[in-house]
C-alpha atoms as a PDB file:
ATOM      1  CA  MET A   1     -16.046-174.913  26.141  1.00  0.00           C
ATOM      2  CA  ILE A   2     -13.697-172.111  25.940  1.00  0.00           C
ATOM      3  CA  ARG A   3     -10.623-172.464  28.115  1.00  0.00           C
ATOM      4  CA  VAL A   4      -8.045-169.689  28.660  1.00  0.00           C
ATOM      5  CA  TYR A   5      -5.009-169.948  30.115  1.00  0.00           C
ATOM      6  CA  ALA A   6      -2.426-167.014  31.058  1.00  0.00           C
ATOM      7  CA  GLN A   7       0.703-166.960  32.536  1.00  0.00           C
ATOM      8  CA  ARG A   8       3.529-164.019  33.149  1.00  0.00           C
ATOM      9  CA  ARG A   9       6.928-163.962  34.387  1.00  0.00           C
ATOM     10  CA  GLY A  10       8.604-161.061  34.886  1.00  0.00           C
ATOM     11  CA  ASN A  11       8.594-159.451  31.307  1.00  0.00           C
ATOM     12  CA  LYS A  12       7.433-163.082  29.603  1.00  0.00           C
ATOM     13  CA  TYR A  13       3.983-163.527  28.580  1.00  0.00           C
ATOM     14  CA  ARG A  14       1.886-166.370  27.285  1.00  0.00           C
ATOM     15  CA  LEU A  15      -1.761-166.715  26.544  1.00  0.00           C
ATOM     16  CA  LEU A  16      -3.169-169.939  25.436  1.00  0.00           C
ATOM     17  CA  VAL A  17      -7.004-170.072  24.302  1.00  0.00           C
ATOM     18  CA  SER A  18      -8.981-172.885  22.832  1.00  0.00           C
ATOM     19  CA  GLY A  19     -12.397-174.229  22.130  1.00  0.00           C
ATOM     20  CA  HIS A  20     -15.911-173.031  21.170  1.00  0.00           C
ATOM     21  CA  ALA A  21     -18.635-171.812  23.382  1.00  0.00           C
ATOM     22  CA  ASP A  22     -22.152-173.863  22.697  1.00  0.00           C
ATOM     23  CA  ALA A  23     -23.963-172.490  19.407  1.00  0.00           C
ATOM     24  CA  THR A  24     -26.418-170.142  20.911  1.00  0.00           C
ATOM     25  CA  PRO A  25     -26.822-166.858  19.981  1.00  0.00           C
ATOM     26  CA  ALA A  26     -25.160-165.680  23.399  1.00  0.00           C
ATOM     27  CA  GLY A  27     -22.370-168.654  22.873  1.00  0.00           C
ATOM     28  CA  ARG A  28     -21.495-166.882  19.364  1.00  0.00           C
ATOM     29  CA  GLN A  29     -20.975-163.736  21.058  1.00  0.00           C
ATOM     30  CA  LEU A  30     -18.771-164.878  23.341  1.00  0.00           C
ATOM     31  CA  CYS A  31     -16.749-166.826  20.711  1.00  0.00           C
ATOM     32  CA  ALA A  32     -16.425-163.785  18.899  1.00  0.00           C
ATOM     33  CA  ALA A  33     -15.656-161.405  22.158  1.00  0.00           C
ATOM     34  CA  VAL A  34     -12.877-163.984  22.942  1.00  0.00           C
ATOM     35  CA  SER A  35     -11.648-163.859  19.663  1.00  0.00           C
ATOM     36  CA  ALA A  36     -11.369-159.726  19.315  1.00  0.00           C
ATOM     37  CA  LEU A  37      -9.391-159.809  22.281  1.00  0.00           C
ATOM     38  CA  THR A  38      -7.067-162.378  21.594  1.00  0.00           C
ATOM     39  CA  GLY A  39      -6.605-161.334  18.126  1.00  0.00           C
ATOM     40  CA  ALA A  40      -5.793-157.271  19.427  1.00  0.00           C
ATOM     41  CA  LEU A  41      -3.209-158.887  21.707  1.00  0.00           C
ATOM     42  CA  VAL A  42      -1.670-160.869  19.274  1.00  0.00           C
ATOM     43  CA  ALA A  43      -1.520-157.850  17.217  1.00  0.00           C
ATOM     44  CA  PHE A  44      -0.578-155.507  19.575  1.00  0.00           C
ATOM     45  CA  ALA A  45       2.123-157.835  20.503  1.00  0.00           C
ATOM     46  CA  GLU A  46       3.441-158.399  16.886  1.00  0.00           C
ATOM     47  CA  LYS A  47       3.850-154.600  16.108  1.00  0.00           C
ATOM     48  CA  ARG A  48       5.429-153.455  19.180  1.00  0.00           C
ATOM     49  CA  GLU A  49       9.558-153.038  18.478  1.00  0.00           C
ATOM     50  CA  ASP A  50       9.537-153.657  22.194  1.00  0.00           C
ATOM     51  CA  CYS A  51       8.420-157.332  22.671  1.00  0.00           C
ATOM     52  CA  SER A  52      11.010-159.802  20.998  1.00  0.00           C
ATOM     53  CA  HIS A  53      10.698-163.417  20.349  1.00  0.00           C
ATOM     54  CA  VAL A  54       6.924-162.942  19.641  1.00  0.00           C
ATOM     55  CA  ARG A  55       5.311-166.593  18.819  1.00  0.00           C
ATOM     56  CA  SER A  56       1.793-166.578  17.941  1.00  0.00           C
ATOM     57  CA  SER A  57      -0.875-168.282  16.452  1.00  0.00           C
ATOM     58  CA  LEU A  58      -4.706-167.470  15.717  1.00  0.00           C
ATOM     59  CA  GLY A  59      -7.301-170.159  14.199  1.00  0.00           C
ATOM     60  CA  ALA A  60     -10.720-171.352  14.553  1.00  0.00           C
ATOM     61  CA  GLY A  61     -11.324-172.164  18.085  1.00  0.00           C
ATOM     62  CA  ARG A  62      -7.255-171.725  19.276  1.00  0.00           C
ATOM     63  CA  ALA A  63      -5.032-168.622  20.142  1.00  0.00           C
ATOM     64  CA  PHE A  64      -1.642-168.828  21.275  1.00  0.00           C
ATOM     65  CA  LEU A  65       0.926-165.866  22.373  1.00  0.00           C
ATOM     66  CA  SER A  66       4.180-165.888  23.827  1.00  0.00           C
ATOM     67  CA  CYS A  67       6.410-163.010  23.754  1.00  0.00           C
ATOM     68  CA  CYS A  68       8.821-161.154  25.916  1.00  0.00           C
ATOM     69  CA  GLY A  69       8.928-157.170  26.388  1.00  0.00           C
ATOM     70  CA  ALA A  70       6.729-154.194  27.207  1.00  0.00           C
ATOM     71  CA  LEU A  71       3.473-155.614  27.095  1.00  0.00           C
ATOM     72  CA  SER A  72       2.428-155.370  30.467  1.00  0.00           C
ATOM     73  CA  GLU A  73      -0.093-153.314  30.630  1.00  0.00           C
ATOM     74  CA  ALA A  74      -2.132-154.657  27.349  1.00  0.00           C
ATOM     75  CA  PHE A  75      -1.504-158.520  28.961  1.00  0.00           C
ATOM     76  CA  GLU A  76      -3.478-157.728  32.089  1.00  0.00           C
ATOM     77  CA  LEU A  77      -6.260-155.392  30.380  1.00  0.00           C
ATOM     78  CA  VAL A  78      -6.959-158.549  27.913  1.00  0.00           C
ATOM     79  CA  THR A  79      -6.388-161.068  30.582  1.00  0.00           C
ATOM     80  CA  ASP A  80      -8.682-159.105  32.999  1.00  0.00           C
ATOM     81  CA  ALA A  81     -11.243-158.759  30.578  1.00  0.00           C
ATOM     82  CA  LEU A  82     -11.283-162.711  29.645  1.00  0.00           C
ATOM     83  CA  ALA A  83     -11.574-163.469  33.337  1.00  0.00           C
ATOM     84  CA  ALA A  84     -14.982-161.262  33.545  1.00  0.00           C
ATOM     85  CA  LEU A  85     -16.040-163.040  30.757  1.00  0.00           C
ATOM     86  CA  ALA A  86     -15.583-166.312  32.268  1.00  0.00           C
ATOM     87  CA  LEU A  87     -16.981-165.142  35.714  1.00  0.00           C
ATOM     88  CA  GLN A  88     -20.202-164.057  33.659  1.00  0.00           C
ATOM     89  CA  HIS A  89     -20.359-167.226  31.679  1.00  0.00           C
ATOM     90  CA  PRO A  90     -19.071-170.423  33.555  1.00  0.00           C
ATOM     91  CA  GLU A  91     -20.823-172.650  31.817  1.00  0.00           C
ATOM     92  CA  ASN A  92     -19.374-171.837  28.431  1.00  0.00           C
ATOM     93  CA  MET A  93     -15.440-170.423  29.591  1.00  0.00           C
ATOM     94  CA  GLN A  94     -12.795-171.506  31.833  1.00  0.00           C
ATOM     95  CA  TYR A  95     -10.166-169.135  32.677  1.00  0.00           C
ATOM     96  CA  ALA A  96      -6.997-170.240  34.561  1.00  0.00           C
ATOM     97  CA  PRO A  97      -4.150-167.855  35.513  1.00  0.00           C
ATOM     98  CA  CYS A  98      -1.044-169.996  35.717  1.00  0.00           C
ATOM     99  CA  ALA A  99       1.272-169.007  38.583  1.00  0.00           C
ATOM    100  CA  VAL A 100       5.018-168.513  37.762  1.00  0.00           C
ATOM    101  CA  ASP A 101       6.378-172.014  38.375  1.00  0.00           C
ATOM    102  CA  ASP A 102       3.063-173.786  36.671  1.00  0.00           C
ATOM    103  CA  LYS A 103       3.859-175.717  33.355  1.00  0.00           C
ATOM    104  CA  LEU A 104       0.996-175.030  30.943  1.00  0.00           C
ATOM    105  CA  PRO A 105      -1.589-177.763  29.717  1.00  0.00           C
ATOM    106  CA  ARG A 106       0.554-179.735  27.305  1.00  0.00           C
ATOM    107  CA  ALA A 107      -1.945-179.981  24.597  1.00  0.00           C
ATOM    108  CA  MET A 108      -2.492-176.268  24.373  1.00  0.00           C
ATOM    109  CA  LEU A 109       1.220-175.869  23.084  1.00  0.00           C
END
């Protein structure tokens, strides 16, 4: 199961992704899509001069991004795409937008 947590507080952004879809061809395609989206967002944030305090990591079955700055449209685009994938593949993916005051899952940090 792929789990995605997304949070925005003003100009502060966090994205946490963990897990894998099942080993079917469709599951592998879903993992590839999630990896491509999250990897592109991390790369975009890391190269932006107007993004600060960028912390990120990408690995097998795990992605993390935390930053401040001008990431609004890119973050919205990627999180909307991840939410759409979760709706299309509920057996393999969960998307949880976190409210401003919500704490992110400790296991994900």
